[in-house]
Amino acid sequence: MKNEEKVILIVMSRILDYPDRSFWEERSLVEQFVEEHLSSAAIREEVLKGITPLYEMTKIELQEQYVATFDNKEMANLYLTAHELGDSKKRGAALIQLQKLIVENGFEWKGKELADYIPMLLELLAFAPESENMNRLSSRLAFCFHRIQKALPDNHPYVAAISLLTKYVFATPGADEMTLLENEREETDHDELPYPLMYR
C-alpha cells in the first residue's frame, strides 16, 4: 500500500468517527499530519479541502448531520457486515471472523464498537502488514464506500471526504462483483438502523 493511501486511511478513520469535542480539538494535529506525510502538494490541498467543511460546522450541526447520515440510513451506515449481509444471521459469524483478524494483526480492540465499525477498520488497514486477508478487507471496504458514496447527494458535507477514499484508496468494484455482493444481503424491514446508537 502506498504511503498516500495509508495517510488518507488514518485521516479518514478520525473524520468518519463520531464528532465529539475532541474532533475539533484535534483539527490542528490532523492538518499537521497531512502536511508532514503527504508529499504531493495537490493531494494535500485536496485532502484539506475535503475535510475543512466539516470542521467549519458547529458541534450540534455536525453531530446531527452525522447521525442523520450514518446512523439512520441503511445505505450509508458505518458497519461493514451490515453493508455485506443486511439483517442476515450470518452477521454474527462474520463479526467473530473480524474480531479474530483484528487480534491477529496486533490491533487493540476494546469492544467499544462492533468489530465491523468502519472507521476502526480503516485504521487497521493502514497499520496492519499487507496480506491476503488485508487485501480482502480492502475489497470489502471498497464495496461499502461505493454504496455510501452512491447514497449521498453531491452537496452533502461528507461527500468530499468520502470521495478521497474512493479516488485514492478503494477502486470501484466491478459490476459483476457488486451484483454478487448485493445478492448476499438480506434487506431490512425499514430504513433506520437503531443498533449503532447502542454502541456510541
N, C-alpha and C. Protein backbone atom coordinates (compact mmCIF):
# COMPACT_ATOMS: atom_id res chain seq x y z
N MET A 1 0.84 -1.19 0.00
CA MET A 1 0.00 0.00 0.00
C MET A 1 0.88 1.25 0.00
N LYS A 2 0.53 2.20 -0.84
CA LYS A 2 1.30 3.43 -0.94
C LYS A 2 1.15 4.27 0.33
N ASN A 3 2.16 5.12 0.58
CA ASN A 3 2.12 5.98 1.76
C ASN A 3 0.91 6.92 1.75
N GLU A 4 0.61 7.49 0.57
CA GLU A 4 -0.52 8.42 0.50
C GLU A 4 -1.83 7.72 0.85
N GLU A 5 -1.95 6.45 0.49
CA GLU A 5 -3.15 5.69 0.83
C GLU A 5 -3.26 5.50 2.33
N LYS A 6 -2.14 5.18 2.98
CA LYS A 6 -2.14 4.99 4.43
C LYS A 6 -2.50 6.29 5.16
N VAL A 7 -1.95 7.39 4.68
CA VAL A 7 -2.24 8.70 5.30
C VAL A 7 -3.73 9.02 5.21
N ILE A 8 -4.31 8.81 4.04
CA ILE A 8 -5.73 9.09 3.85
C ILE A 8 -6.58 8.17 4.72
N LEU A 9 -6.19 6.91 4.83
CA LEU A 9 -6.91 5.97 5.70
C LEU A 9 -6.90 6.44 7.15
N ILE A 10 -5.74 6.87 7.62
CA ILE A 10 -5.61 7.32 9.01
C ILE A 10 -6.45 8.57 9.26
N VAL A 11 -6.37 9.52 8.34
CA VAL A 11 -7.15 10.75 8.47
C VAL A 11 -8.65 10.45 8.46
N MET A 12 -9.06 9.61 7.52
CA MET A 12 -10.49 9.33 7.40
C MET A 12 -11.01 8.46 8.53
N SER A 13 -10.15 7.69 9.17
CA SER A 13 -10.60 6.92 10.34
C SER A 13 -11.05 7.86 11.44
N ARG A 14 -10.46 9.03 11.51
CA ARG A 14 -10.87 10.04 12.50
C ARG A 14 -12.05 10.86 12.00
N ILE A 15 -12.01 11.25 10.74
CA ILE A 15 -13.07 12.09 10.17
C ILE A 15 -14.41 11.38 10.21
N LEU A 16 -14.42 10.07 10.02
CA LEU A 16 -15.67 9.31 9.97
C LEU A 16 -16.10 8.78 11.33
N ASP A 17 -15.30 9.00 12.35
CA ASP A 17 -15.72 8.64 13.70
C ASP A 17 -16.70 9.71 14.21
N TYR A 18 -17.43 9.35 15.25
CA TYR A 18 -18.43 10.30 15.77
C TYR A 18 -17.75 11.60 16.20
N PRO A 19 -18.26 12.76 15.79
CA PRO A 19 -17.62 14.04 16.09
C PRO A 19 -17.90 14.54 17.50
N ASP A 20 -17.16 14.01 18.45
CA ASP A 20 -17.27 14.52 19.82
C ASP A 20 -16.39 15.77 19.95
N ARG A 21 -16.22 16.28 21.14
CA ARG A 21 -15.47 17.53 21.34
C ARG A 21 -14.04 17.43 20.82
N SER A 22 -13.41 16.24 20.96
CA SER A 22 -12.03 16.09 20.54
C SER A 22 -11.86 16.22 19.03
N PHE A 23 -12.95 16.07 18.29
CA PHE A 23 -12.89 16.21 16.83
C PHE A 23 -12.31 17.57 16.45
N TRP A 24 -12.80 18.63 17.06
CA TRP A 24 -12.31 19.98 16.77
C TRP A 24 -10.98 20.24 17.47
N GLU A 25 -10.79 19.69 18.65
CA GLU A 25 -9.54 19.88 19.38
C GLU A 25 -8.36 19.29 18.62
N GLU A 26 -8.60 18.24 17.86
CA GLU A 26 -7.53 17.55 17.13
C GLU A 26 -7.35 18.07 15.71
N ARG A 27 -8.09 19.09 15.34
CA ARG A 27 -8.01 19.60 13.97
C ARG A 27 -6.58 19.95 13.57
N SER A 28 -5.90 20.69 14.41
CA SER A 28 -4.53 21.12 14.05
C SER A 28 -3.60 19.92 13.91
N LEU A 29 -3.80 18.89 14.72
CA LEU A 29 -2.97 17.69 14.63
C LEU A 29 -3.23 16.95 13.32
N VAL A 30 -4.50 16.87 12.93
CA VAL A 30 -4.85 16.22 11.67
C VAL A 30 -4.24 16.98 10.50
N GLU A 31 -4.38 18.29 10.50
CA GLU A 31 -3.85 19.10 9.40
C GLU A 31 -2.32 19.02 9.35
N GLN A 32 -1.68 19.01 10.51
CA GLN A 32 -0.22 18.88 10.56
C GLN A 32 0.22 17.51 10.02
N PHE A 33 -0.52 16.47 10.38
CA PHE A 33 -0.23 15.13 9.90
C PHE A 33 -0.30 15.07 8.37
N VAL A 34 -1.32 15.70 7.81
CA VAL A 34 -1.47 15.75 6.35
C VAL A 34 -0.30 16.49 5.72
N GLU A 35 0.04 17.65 6.27
CA GLU A 35 1.13 18.46 5.72
C GLU A 35 2.46 17.72 5.77
N GLU A 36 2.70 16.97 6.82
CA GLU A 36 4.00 16.32 7.01
C GLU A 36 4.14 15.00 6.27
N HIS A 37 3.03 14.32 6.01
CA HIS A 37 3.13 12.96 5.49
C HIS A 37 2.64 12.78 4.06
N LEU A 38 2.04 13.80 3.47
CA LEU A 38 1.66 13.71 2.07
C LEU A 38 2.63 14.55 1.25
N SER A 39 3.41 13.91 0.41
CA SER A 39 4.44 14.61 -0.34
C SER A 39 3.87 15.43 -1.50
N SER A 40 2.73 15.02 -2.03
CA SER A 40 2.12 15.72 -3.15
C SER A 40 1.33 16.93 -2.67
N ALA A 41 1.71 18.10 -3.15
CA ALA A 41 1.01 19.33 -2.76
C ALA A 41 -0.44 19.30 -3.23
N ALA A 42 -0.68 18.72 -4.40
CA ALA A 42 -2.03 18.67 -4.94
C ALA A 42 -2.94 17.79 -4.08
N ILE A 43 -2.42 16.65 -3.64
CA ILE A 43 -3.22 15.75 -2.81
C ILE A 43 -3.42 16.36 -1.42
N ARG A 44 -2.37 16.99 -0.89
CA ARG A 44 -2.51 17.68 0.41
C ARG A 44 -3.65 18.68 0.36
N GLU A 45 -3.65 19.49 -0.69
CA GLU A 45 -4.68 20.52 -0.84
C GLU A 45 -6.07 19.90 -0.96
N GLU A 46 -6.17 18.80 -1.70
CA GLU A 46 -7.46 18.14 -1.90
C GLU A 46 -7.98 17.53 -0.60
N VAL A 47 -7.07 16.92 0.18
CA VAL A 47 -7.48 16.33 1.46
C VAL A 47 -7.96 17.41 2.41
N LEU A 48 -7.19 18.47 2.55
CA LEU A 48 -7.58 19.55 3.47
C LEU A 48 -8.87 20.23 3.02
N LYS A 49 -9.03 20.39 1.72
CA LYS A 49 -10.26 20.99 1.19
C LYS A 49 -11.46 20.09 1.45
N GLY A 50 -11.23 18.77 1.41
CA GLY A 50 -12.32 17.83 1.60
C GLY A 50 -12.83 17.76 3.02
N ILE A 51 -11.93 17.97 4.00
CA ILE A 51 -12.34 17.84 5.40
C ILE A 51 -12.68 19.17 6.06
N THR A 52 -12.24 20.28 5.49
CA THR A 52 -12.46 21.59 6.10
C THR A 52 -13.93 21.93 6.35
N PRO A 53 -14.85 21.64 5.40
CA PRO A 53 -16.26 21.98 5.65
C PRO A 53 -16.83 21.34 6.91
N LEU A 54 -16.33 20.18 7.28
CA LEU A 54 -16.82 19.51 8.49
C LEU A 54 -16.37 20.25 9.74
N TYR A 55 -15.15 20.73 9.73
CA TYR A 55 -14.64 21.49 10.88
C TYR A 55 -15.32 22.84 11.02
N GLU A 56 -15.85 23.36 9.94
CA GLU A 56 -16.48 24.68 9.97
C GLU A 56 -17.91 24.64 10.48
N MET A 57 -18.47 23.45 10.66
CA MET A 57 -19.81 23.31 11.21
C MET A 57 -19.74 23.36 12.74
N THR A 58 -20.81 23.76 13.37
CA THR A 58 -20.85 23.74 14.83
C THR A 58 -20.95 22.30 15.31
N LYS A 59 -20.68 22.09 16.58
CA LYS A 59 -20.73 20.74 17.15
C LYS A 59 -22.11 20.12 16.96
N ILE A 60 -23.14 20.88 17.29
CA ILE A 60 -24.52 20.37 17.18
C ILE A 60 -24.87 20.08 15.73
N GLU A 61 -24.51 21.00 14.82
CA GLU A 61 -24.82 20.80 13.40
C GLU A 61 -24.18 19.53 12.87
N LEU A 62 -22.90 19.34 13.18
CA LEU A 62 -22.19 18.18 12.63
C LEU A 62 -22.67 16.88 13.27
N GLN A 63 -22.94 16.91 14.57
CA GLN A 63 -23.43 15.70 15.22
C GLN A 63 -24.80 15.30 14.66
N GLU A 64 -25.64 16.27 14.45
CA GLU A 64 -26.96 15.97 13.87
C GLU A 64 -26.82 15.44 12.45
N GLN A 65 -25.91 16.04 11.69
CA GLN A 65 -25.66 15.59 10.32
C GLN A 65 -25.10 14.17 10.31
N TYR A 66 -24.19 13.89 11.22
CA TYR A 66 -23.56 12.57 11.32
C TYR A 66 -24.61 11.50 11.61
N VAL A 67 -25.44 11.74 12.61
CA VAL A 67 -26.46 10.77 12.98
C VAL A 67 -27.45 10.56 11.83
N ALA A 68 -27.90 11.67 11.22
CA ALA A 68 -28.85 11.58 10.11
C ALA A 68 -28.26 10.84 8.92
N THR A 69 -26.95 10.96 8.74
CA THR A 69 -26.30 10.35 7.59
C THR A 69 -25.93 8.89 7.82
N PHE A 70 -25.21 8.64 8.90
CA PHE A 70 -24.60 7.32 9.07
C PHE A 70 -25.36 6.38 10.01
N ASP A 71 -26.13 6.93 10.93
CA ASP A 71 -26.85 6.09 11.88
C ASP A 71 -28.26 5.75 11.42
N ASN A 72 -28.85 6.61 10.62
CA ASN A 72 -30.26 6.43 10.28
C ASN A 72 -30.54 6.00 8.85
N LYS A 73 -29.50 5.84 8.05
CA LYS A 73 -29.71 5.45 6.65
C LYS A 73 -28.97 4.15 6.36
N GLU A 74 -29.71 3.15 5.92
CA GLU A 74 -29.14 1.83 5.67
C GLU A 74 -27.99 1.86 4.67
N MET A 75 -28.13 2.61 3.58
CA MET A 75 -27.11 2.63 2.54
C MET A 75 -25.82 3.33 2.96
N ALA A 76 -25.88 4.15 4.00
CA ALA A 76 -24.71 4.93 4.39
C ALA A 76 -24.21 4.57 5.79
N ASN A 77 -24.62 3.44 6.33
CA ASN A 77 -24.17 3.09 7.68
C ASN A 77 -22.68 2.79 7.69
N LEU A 78 -22.09 2.79 8.87
CA LEU A 78 -20.64 2.60 9.01
C LEU A 78 -20.28 1.26 9.63
N TYR A 79 -21.02 0.22 9.24
CA TYR A 79 -20.76 -1.13 9.75
C TYR A 79 -20.62 -2.08 8.57
N LEU A 80 -19.44 -2.64 8.43
CA LEU A 80 -19.08 -3.44 7.27
C LEU A 80 -20.05 -4.58 6.98
N THR A 81 -20.34 -5.40 7.99
CA THR A 81 -21.20 -6.56 7.74
C THR A 81 -22.65 -6.17 7.48
N ALA A 82 -23.06 -4.99 7.94
CA ALA A 82 -24.42 -4.52 7.62
C ALA A 82 -24.54 -4.23 6.13
N HIS A 83 -23.46 -3.69 5.54
CA HIS A 83 -23.46 -3.48 4.09
C HIS A 83 -23.45 -4.81 3.35
N GLU A 84 -22.67 -5.74 3.86
CA GLU A 84 -22.49 -7.01 3.15
C GLU A 84 -23.68 -7.96 3.31
N LEU A 85 -24.23 -7.99 4.51
CA LEU A 85 -25.20 -9.04 4.83
C LEU A 85 -26.57 -8.53 5.24
N GLY A 86 -26.72 -7.24 5.45
CA GLY A 86 -28.00 -6.72 5.89
C GLY A 86 -28.41 -7.32 7.22
N ASP A 87 -29.62 -7.84 7.29
CA ASP A 87 -30.13 -8.43 8.54
C ASP A 87 -29.87 -9.93 8.65
N SER A 88 -29.03 -10.46 7.81
CA SER A 88 -28.76 -11.89 7.81
C SER A 88 -28.19 -12.37 9.14
N LYS A 89 -28.55 -13.58 9.52
CA LYS A 89 -28.00 -14.20 10.73
C LYS A 89 -26.51 -14.51 10.57
N LYS A 90 -26.01 -14.43 9.34
CA LYS A 90 -24.59 -14.66 9.08
C LYS A 90 -23.70 -13.57 9.68
N ARG A 91 -24.32 -12.44 10.06
CA ARG A 91 -23.52 -11.33 10.60
C ARG A 91 -22.76 -11.72 11.86
N GLY A 92 -23.36 -12.56 12.69
CA GLY A 92 -22.69 -12.97 13.93
C GLY A 92 -21.38 -13.66 13.66
N ALA A 93 -21.38 -14.61 12.74
CA ALA A 93 -20.16 -15.32 12.39
C ALA A 93 -19.16 -14.39 11.71
N ALA A 94 -19.67 -13.46 10.89
CA ALA A 94 -18.78 -12.52 10.22
C ALA A 94 -18.10 -11.59 11.21
N LEU A 95 -18.80 -11.19 12.26
CA LEU A 95 -18.21 -10.34 13.30
C LEU A 95 -17.11 -11.08 14.05
N ILE A 96 -17.33 -12.35 14.33
CA ILE A 96 -16.32 -13.16 15.02
C ILE A 96 -15.06 -13.27 14.17
N GLN A 97 -15.22 -13.45 12.88
CA GLN A 97 -14.07 -13.53 11.97
C GLN A 97 -13.29 -12.21 11.96
N LEU A 98 -14.01 -11.10 11.99
CA LEU A 98 -13.34 -9.80 12.02
C LEU A 98 -12.61 -9.59 13.34
N GLN A 99 -13.21 -10.00 14.44
CA GLN A 99 -12.54 -9.90 15.74
C GLN A 99 -11.21 -10.66 15.71
N LYS A 100 -11.23 -11.85 15.12
CA LYS A 100 -10.03 -12.67 15.01
C LYS A 100 -8.98 -11.97 14.16
N LEU A 101 -9.41 -11.39 13.04
CA LEU A 101 -8.50 -10.67 12.16
C LEU A 101 -7.85 -9.49 12.87
N ILE A 102 -8.63 -8.77 13.63
CA ILE A 102 -8.13 -7.61 14.38
C ILE A 102 -7.05 -8.04 15.37
N VAL A 103 -7.34 -9.07 16.15
CA VAL A 103 -6.40 -9.55 17.16
C VAL A 103 -5.13 -10.11 16.53
N GLU A 104 -5.28 -10.87 15.46
CA GLU A 104 -4.13 -11.49 14.78
C GLU A 104 -3.16 -10.45 14.24
N ASN A 105 -3.66 -9.28 13.94
CA ASN A 105 -2.80 -8.22 13.40
C ASN A 105 -2.31 -7.26 14.48
N GLY A 106 -2.47 -7.66 15.74
CA GLY A 106 -1.92 -6.89 16.84
C GLY A 106 -2.60 -5.57 17.09
N PHE A 107 -3.84 -5.44 16.61
CA PHE A 107 -4.57 -4.19 16.76
C PHE A 107 -5.36 -4.23 18.06
N GLU A 108 -5.33 -3.15 18.80
CA GLU A 108 -6.04 -3.10 20.08
C GLU A 108 -7.51 -2.79 19.85
N TRP A 109 -8.33 -3.74 20.21
CA TRP A 109 -9.78 -3.57 20.09
C TRP A 109 -10.42 -3.82 21.45
N LYS A 110 -11.02 -2.79 22.01
CA LYS A 110 -11.55 -2.88 23.37
C LYS A 110 -13.05 -3.14 23.41
N GLY A 111 -13.64 -3.32 22.26
CA GLY A 111 -15.06 -3.64 22.23
C GLY A 111 -15.97 -2.45 22.40
N LYS A 112 -15.43 -1.22 22.29
CA LYS A 112 -16.28 -0.03 22.39
C LYS A 112 -17.29 -0.01 21.24
N GLU A 113 -16.84 -0.42 20.08
CA GLU A 113 -17.70 -0.52 18.91
C GLU A 113 -17.72 -1.98 18.46
N LEU A 114 -18.67 -2.30 17.58
CA LEU A 114 -18.66 -3.61 16.96
C LEU A 114 -17.38 -3.78 16.15
N ALA A 115 -16.98 -5.03 15.97
CA ALA A 115 -15.72 -5.32 15.26
C ALA A 115 -15.76 -4.89 13.80
N ASP A 116 -16.94 -4.62 13.26
CA ASP A 116 -17.04 -4.22 11.85
C ASP A 116 -17.21 -2.71 11.69
N TYR A 117 -16.90 -1.95 12.74
CA TYR A 117 -17.03 -0.49 12.68
C TYR A 117 -16.00 0.05 11.69
N ILE A 118 -16.46 0.66 10.63
CA ILE A 118 -15.60 1.01 9.50
C ILE A 118 -14.47 1.98 9.85
N PRO A 119 -14.67 3.06 10.62
CA PRO A 119 -13.53 3.91 10.96
C PRO A 119 -12.39 3.15 11.62
N MET A 120 -12.71 2.21 12.49
CA MET A 120 -11.68 1.39 13.13
C MET A 120 -10.97 0.51 12.09
N LEU A 121 -11.72 -0.06 11.15
CA LEU A 121 -11.13 -0.93 10.13
C LEU A 121 -10.24 -0.15 9.17
N LEU A 122 -10.54 1.13 8.95
CA LEU A 122 -9.66 1.96 8.13
C LEU A 122 -8.29 2.09 8.78
N GLU A 123 -8.29 2.29 10.09
CA GLU A 123 -7.02 2.40 10.81
C GLU A 123 -6.27 1.07 10.80
N LEU A 124 -7.00 -0.02 10.99
CA LEU A 124 -6.40 -1.35 10.92
C LEU A 124 -5.73 -1.56 9.57
N LEU A 125 -6.41 -1.22 8.50
CA LEU A 125 -5.88 -1.41 7.16
C LEU A 125 -4.62 -0.57 6.94
N ALA A 126 -4.56 0.60 7.55
CA ALA A 126 -3.40 1.48 7.39
C ALA A 126 -2.16 0.93 8.08
N PHE A 127 -2.34 0.26 9.23
CA PHE A 127 -1.19 -0.14 10.04
C PHE A 127 -0.84 -1.62 9.94
N ALA A 128 -1.77 -2.46 9.57
CA ALA A 128 -1.51 -3.90 9.53
C ALA A 128 -0.58 -4.25 8.36
N PRO A 129 0.26 -5.27 8.54
CA PRO A 129 1.10 -5.72 7.42
C PRO A 129 0.23 -6.19 6.25
N GLU A 130 0.72 -5.97 5.06
CA GLU A 130 -0.04 -6.40 3.89
C GLU A 130 -0.13 -7.92 3.85
N SER A 131 -1.29 -8.42 3.52
CA SER A 131 -1.53 -9.85 3.46
C SER A 131 -2.76 -10.11 2.61
N GLU A 132 -3.02 -11.37 2.34
CA GLU A 132 -4.21 -11.71 1.57
C GLU A 132 -5.48 -11.28 2.30
N ASN A 133 -5.47 -11.46 3.63
CA ASN A 133 -6.64 -11.06 4.42
C ASN A 133 -6.86 -9.55 4.38
N MET A 134 -5.76 -8.78 4.42
CA MET A 134 -5.90 -7.33 4.35
C MET A 134 -6.36 -6.88 2.97
N ASN A 135 -5.88 -7.56 1.94
CA ASN A 135 -6.34 -7.24 0.59
C ASN A 135 -7.83 -7.51 0.45
N ARG A 136 -8.26 -8.60 1.07
CA ARG A 136 -9.69 -8.94 1.04
C ARG A 136 -10.50 -7.89 1.81
N LEU A 137 -9.98 -7.46 2.95
CA LEU A 137 -10.67 -6.41 3.72
C LEU A 137 -10.77 -5.14 2.91
N SER A 138 -9.71 -4.81 2.18
CA SER A 138 -9.73 -3.61 1.35
C SER A 138 -10.83 -3.70 0.29
N SER A 139 -10.99 -4.87 -0.30
CA SER A 139 -12.04 -5.06 -1.31
C SER A 139 -13.43 -4.94 -0.69
N ARG A 140 -13.56 -5.47 0.50
CA ARG A 140 -14.86 -5.39 1.19
C ARG A 140 -15.20 -3.94 1.52
N LEU A 141 -14.20 -3.18 1.96
CA LEU A 141 -14.44 -1.77 2.28
C LEU A 141 -14.72 -0.97 1.01
N ALA A 142 -14.10 -1.35 -0.09
CA ALA A 142 -14.39 -0.68 -1.36
C ALA A 142 -15.87 -0.80 -1.70
N PHE A 143 -16.43 -1.98 -1.49
CA PHE A 143 -17.86 -2.20 -1.72
C PHE A 143 -18.69 -1.27 -0.84
N CYS A 144 -18.32 -1.16 0.42
CA CYS A 144 -19.06 -0.30 1.36
C CYS A 144 -19.03 1.16 0.92
N PHE A 145 -17.85 1.65 0.59
CA PHE A 145 -17.74 3.07 0.25
C PHE A 145 -18.38 3.39 -1.09
N HIS A 146 -18.44 2.42 -1.98
CA HIS A 146 -19.18 2.62 -3.22
C HIS A 146 -20.66 2.83 -2.89
N ARG A 147 -21.19 2.04 -1.98
CA ARG A 147 -22.60 2.17 -1.59
C ARG A 147 -22.85 3.49 -0.86
N ILE A 148 -21.93 3.85 0.05
CA ILE A 148 -22.10 5.09 0.82
C ILE A 148 -22.08 6.30 -0.11
N GLN A 149 -21.09 6.34 -1.00
CA GLN A 149 -20.99 7.49 -1.91
C GLN A 149 -22.22 7.59 -2.80
N LYS A 150 -22.72 6.46 -3.23
CA LYS A 150 -23.90 6.45 -4.08
C LYS A 150 -25.13 6.96 -3.33
N ALA A 151 -25.15 6.76 -2.01
CA ALA A 151 -26.31 7.13 -1.20
C ALA A 151 -26.36 8.61 -0.87
N LEU A 152 -25.23 9.32 -0.99
CA LEU A 152 -25.17 10.72 -0.57
C LEU A 152 -25.32 11.66 -1.76
N PRO A 153 -26.08 12.75 -1.60
CA PRO A 153 -26.19 13.74 -2.68
C PRO A 153 -24.87 14.48 -2.88
N ASP A 154 -24.68 15.06 -4.03
CA ASP A 154 -23.41 15.71 -4.37
C ASP A 154 -23.05 16.86 -3.44
N ASN A 155 -24.06 17.49 -2.84
CA ASN A 155 -23.80 18.64 -1.98
C ASN A 155 -23.71 18.26 -0.50
N HIS A 156 -23.67 16.98 -0.20
CA HIS A 156 -23.60 16.53 1.19
C HIS A 156 -22.24 16.90 1.79
N PRO A 157 -22.19 17.37 3.05
CA PRO A 157 -20.93 17.80 3.64
C PRO A 157 -19.87 16.70 3.76
N TYR A 158 -20.29 15.44 3.76
CA TYR A 158 -19.32 14.34 3.86
C TYR A 158 -18.88 13.80 2.51
N VAL A 159 -19.47 14.25 1.42
CA VAL A 159 -19.17 13.69 0.11
C VAL A 159 -17.70 13.86 -0.28
N ALA A 160 -17.17 15.05 -0.10
CA ALA A 160 -15.77 15.31 -0.49
C ALA A 160 -14.81 14.41 0.28
N ALA A 161 -15.09 14.19 1.56
CA ALA A 161 -14.23 13.32 2.36
C ALA A 161 -14.33 11.87 1.89
N ILE A 162 -15.55 11.39 1.67
CA ILE A 162 -15.74 10.03 1.17
C ILE A 162 -15.06 9.85 -0.18
N SER A 163 -15.12 10.87 -1.01
CA SER A 163 -14.53 10.80 -2.35
C SER A 163 -13.02 10.62 -2.29
N LEU A 164 -12.38 11.09 -1.24
CA LEU A 164 -10.94 10.89 -1.09
C LEU A 164 -10.61 9.40 -1.02
N LEU A 165 -11.46 8.65 -0.35
CA LEU A 165 -11.24 7.21 -0.22
C LEU A 165 -11.49 6.49 -1.54
N THR A 166 -12.56 6.85 -2.22
CA THR A 166 -12.88 6.16 -3.47
C THR A 166 -11.94 6.56 -4.60
N LYS A 167 -11.32 7.72 -4.49
CA LYS A 167 -10.41 8.18 -5.53
C LYS A 167 -8.99 7.66 -5.32
N TYR A 168 -8.51 7.69 -4.06
CA TYR A 168 -7.10 7.39 -3.81
C TYR A 168 -6.84 6.04 -3.16
N VAL A 169 -7.85 5.41 -2.57
CA VAL A 169 -7.60 4.17 -1.82
C VAL A 169 -8.37 2.98 -2.38
N PHE A 170 -9.67 3.13 -2.54
CA PHE A 170 -10.51 1.98 -2.88
C PHE A 170 -11.01 2.07 -4.33
N ALA A 171 -10.54 1.14 -5.15
CA ALA A 171 -11.01 1.09 -6.53
C ALA A 171 -12.48 0.67 -6.56
N THR A 172 -13.22 1.19 -7.51
CA THR A 172 -14.64 0.84 -7.64
C THR A 172 -14.76 -0.63 -8.03
N PRO A 173 -15.53 -1.41 -7.27
CA PRO A 173 -15.72 -2.83 -7.63
C PRO A 173 -16.37 -2.95 -9.00
N GLY A 174 -16.06 -4.05 -9.69
CA GLY A 174 -16.67 -4.29 -10.99
C GLY A 174 -18.16 -4.55 -10.83
N ALA A 175 -18.89 -4.41 -11.93
CA ALA A 175 -20.35 -4.58 -11.90
C ALA A 175 -20.74 -5.98 -11.45
N ASP A 176 -20.02 -7.00 -11.92
CA ASP A 176 -20.32 -8.37 -11.54
C ASP A 176 -20.10 -8.59 -10.05
N GLU A 177 -19.00 -8.01 -9.52
CA GLU A 177 -18.71 -8.15 -8.10
C GLU A 177 -19.77 -7.44 -7.25
N MET A 178 -20.19 -6.25 -7.69
CA MET A 178 -21.22 -5.51 -6.97
C MET A 178 -22.52 -6.29 -6.92
N THR A 179 -22.89 -6.87 -8.05
CA THR A 179 -24.13 -7.65 -8.12
C THR A 179 -24.06 -8.85 -7.19
N LEU A 180 -22.92 -9.54 -7.20
CA LEU A 180 -22.74 -10.71 -6.34
C LEU A 180 -22.84 -10.33 -4.87
N LEU A 181 -22.18 -9.23 -4.49
CA LEU A 181 -22.20 -8.81 -3.09
C LEU A 181 -23.59 -8.33 -2.67
N GLU A 182 -24.26 -7.60 -3.55
CA GLU A 182 -25.61 -7.13 -3.23
C GLU A 182 -26.57 -8.31 -3.03
N ASN A 183 -26.37 -9.38 -3.78
CA ASN A 183 -27.24 -10.54 -3.67
C ASN A 183 -27.05 -11.31 -2.37
N GLU A 184 -25.95 -11.05 -1.67
CA GLU A 184 -25.68 -11.70 -0.39
C GLU A 184 -26.46 -11.06 0.76
N ARG A 185 -26.96 -9.86 0.51
CA ARG A 185 -27.60 -9.09 1.56
C ARG A 185 -29.04 -9.52 1.79
N GLU A 186 -29.46 -9.44 3.05
CA GLU A 186 -30.87 -9.62 3.40
C GLU A 186 -31.40 -8.25 3.80
N GLU A 187 -32.37 -7.77 3.08
CA GLU A 187 -32.86 -6.41 3.28
C GLU A 187 -33.53 -6.24 4.64
N THR A 188 -33.40 -5.04 5.19
CA THR A 188 -34.07 -4.70 6.43
C THR A 188 -35.52 -4.37 6.15
N ASP A 189 -36.30 -4.34 7.21
CA ASP A 189 -37.72 -4.02 7.06
C ASP A 189 -37.98 -2.52 7.02
N HIS A 190 -36.96 -1.71 7.33
CA HIS A 190 -37.12 -0.26 7.37
C HIS A 190 -35.76 0.37 7.09
N ASP A 191 -35.77 1.67 6.92
CA ASP A 191 -34.54 2.36 6.58
C ASP A 191 -33.66 2.67 7.78
N GLU A 192 -34.23 2.74 8.96
CA GLU A 192 -33.46 3.13 10.13
C GLU A 192 -32.69 1.94 10.69
N LEU A 193 -31.49 2.22 11.18
CA LEU A 193 -30.67 1.20 11.83
C LEU A 193 -30.41 1.65 13.26
N PRO A 194 -31.17 1.19 14.22
CA PRO A 194 -31.02 1.68 15.58
C PRO A 194 -29.79 1.20 16.30
N TYR A 195 -29.20 0.05 15.87
CA TYR A 195 -28.15 -0.54 16.68
C TYR A 195 -26.87 0.28 16.84
N PRO A 196 -26.43 1.11 15.85
CA PRO A 196 -25.21 1.88 16.10
C PRO A 196 -25.31 2.78 17.33
N LEU A 197 -26.50 3.31 17.61
CA LEU A 197 -26.66 4.22 18.73
C LEU A 197 -26.41 3.52 20.07
N MET A 198 -26.52 2.21 20.10
CA MET A 198 -26.31 1.46 21.33
C MET A 198 -24.83 1.31 21.67
N TYR A 199 -23.97 1.62 20.70
CA TYR A 199 -22.54 1.42 20.91
C TYR A 199 -21.79 2.73 20.88
N ARG A 200 -22.52 3.82 20.98
CA ARG A 200 -21.89 5.13 20.94
C ARG A 200 -21.34 5.48 22.32
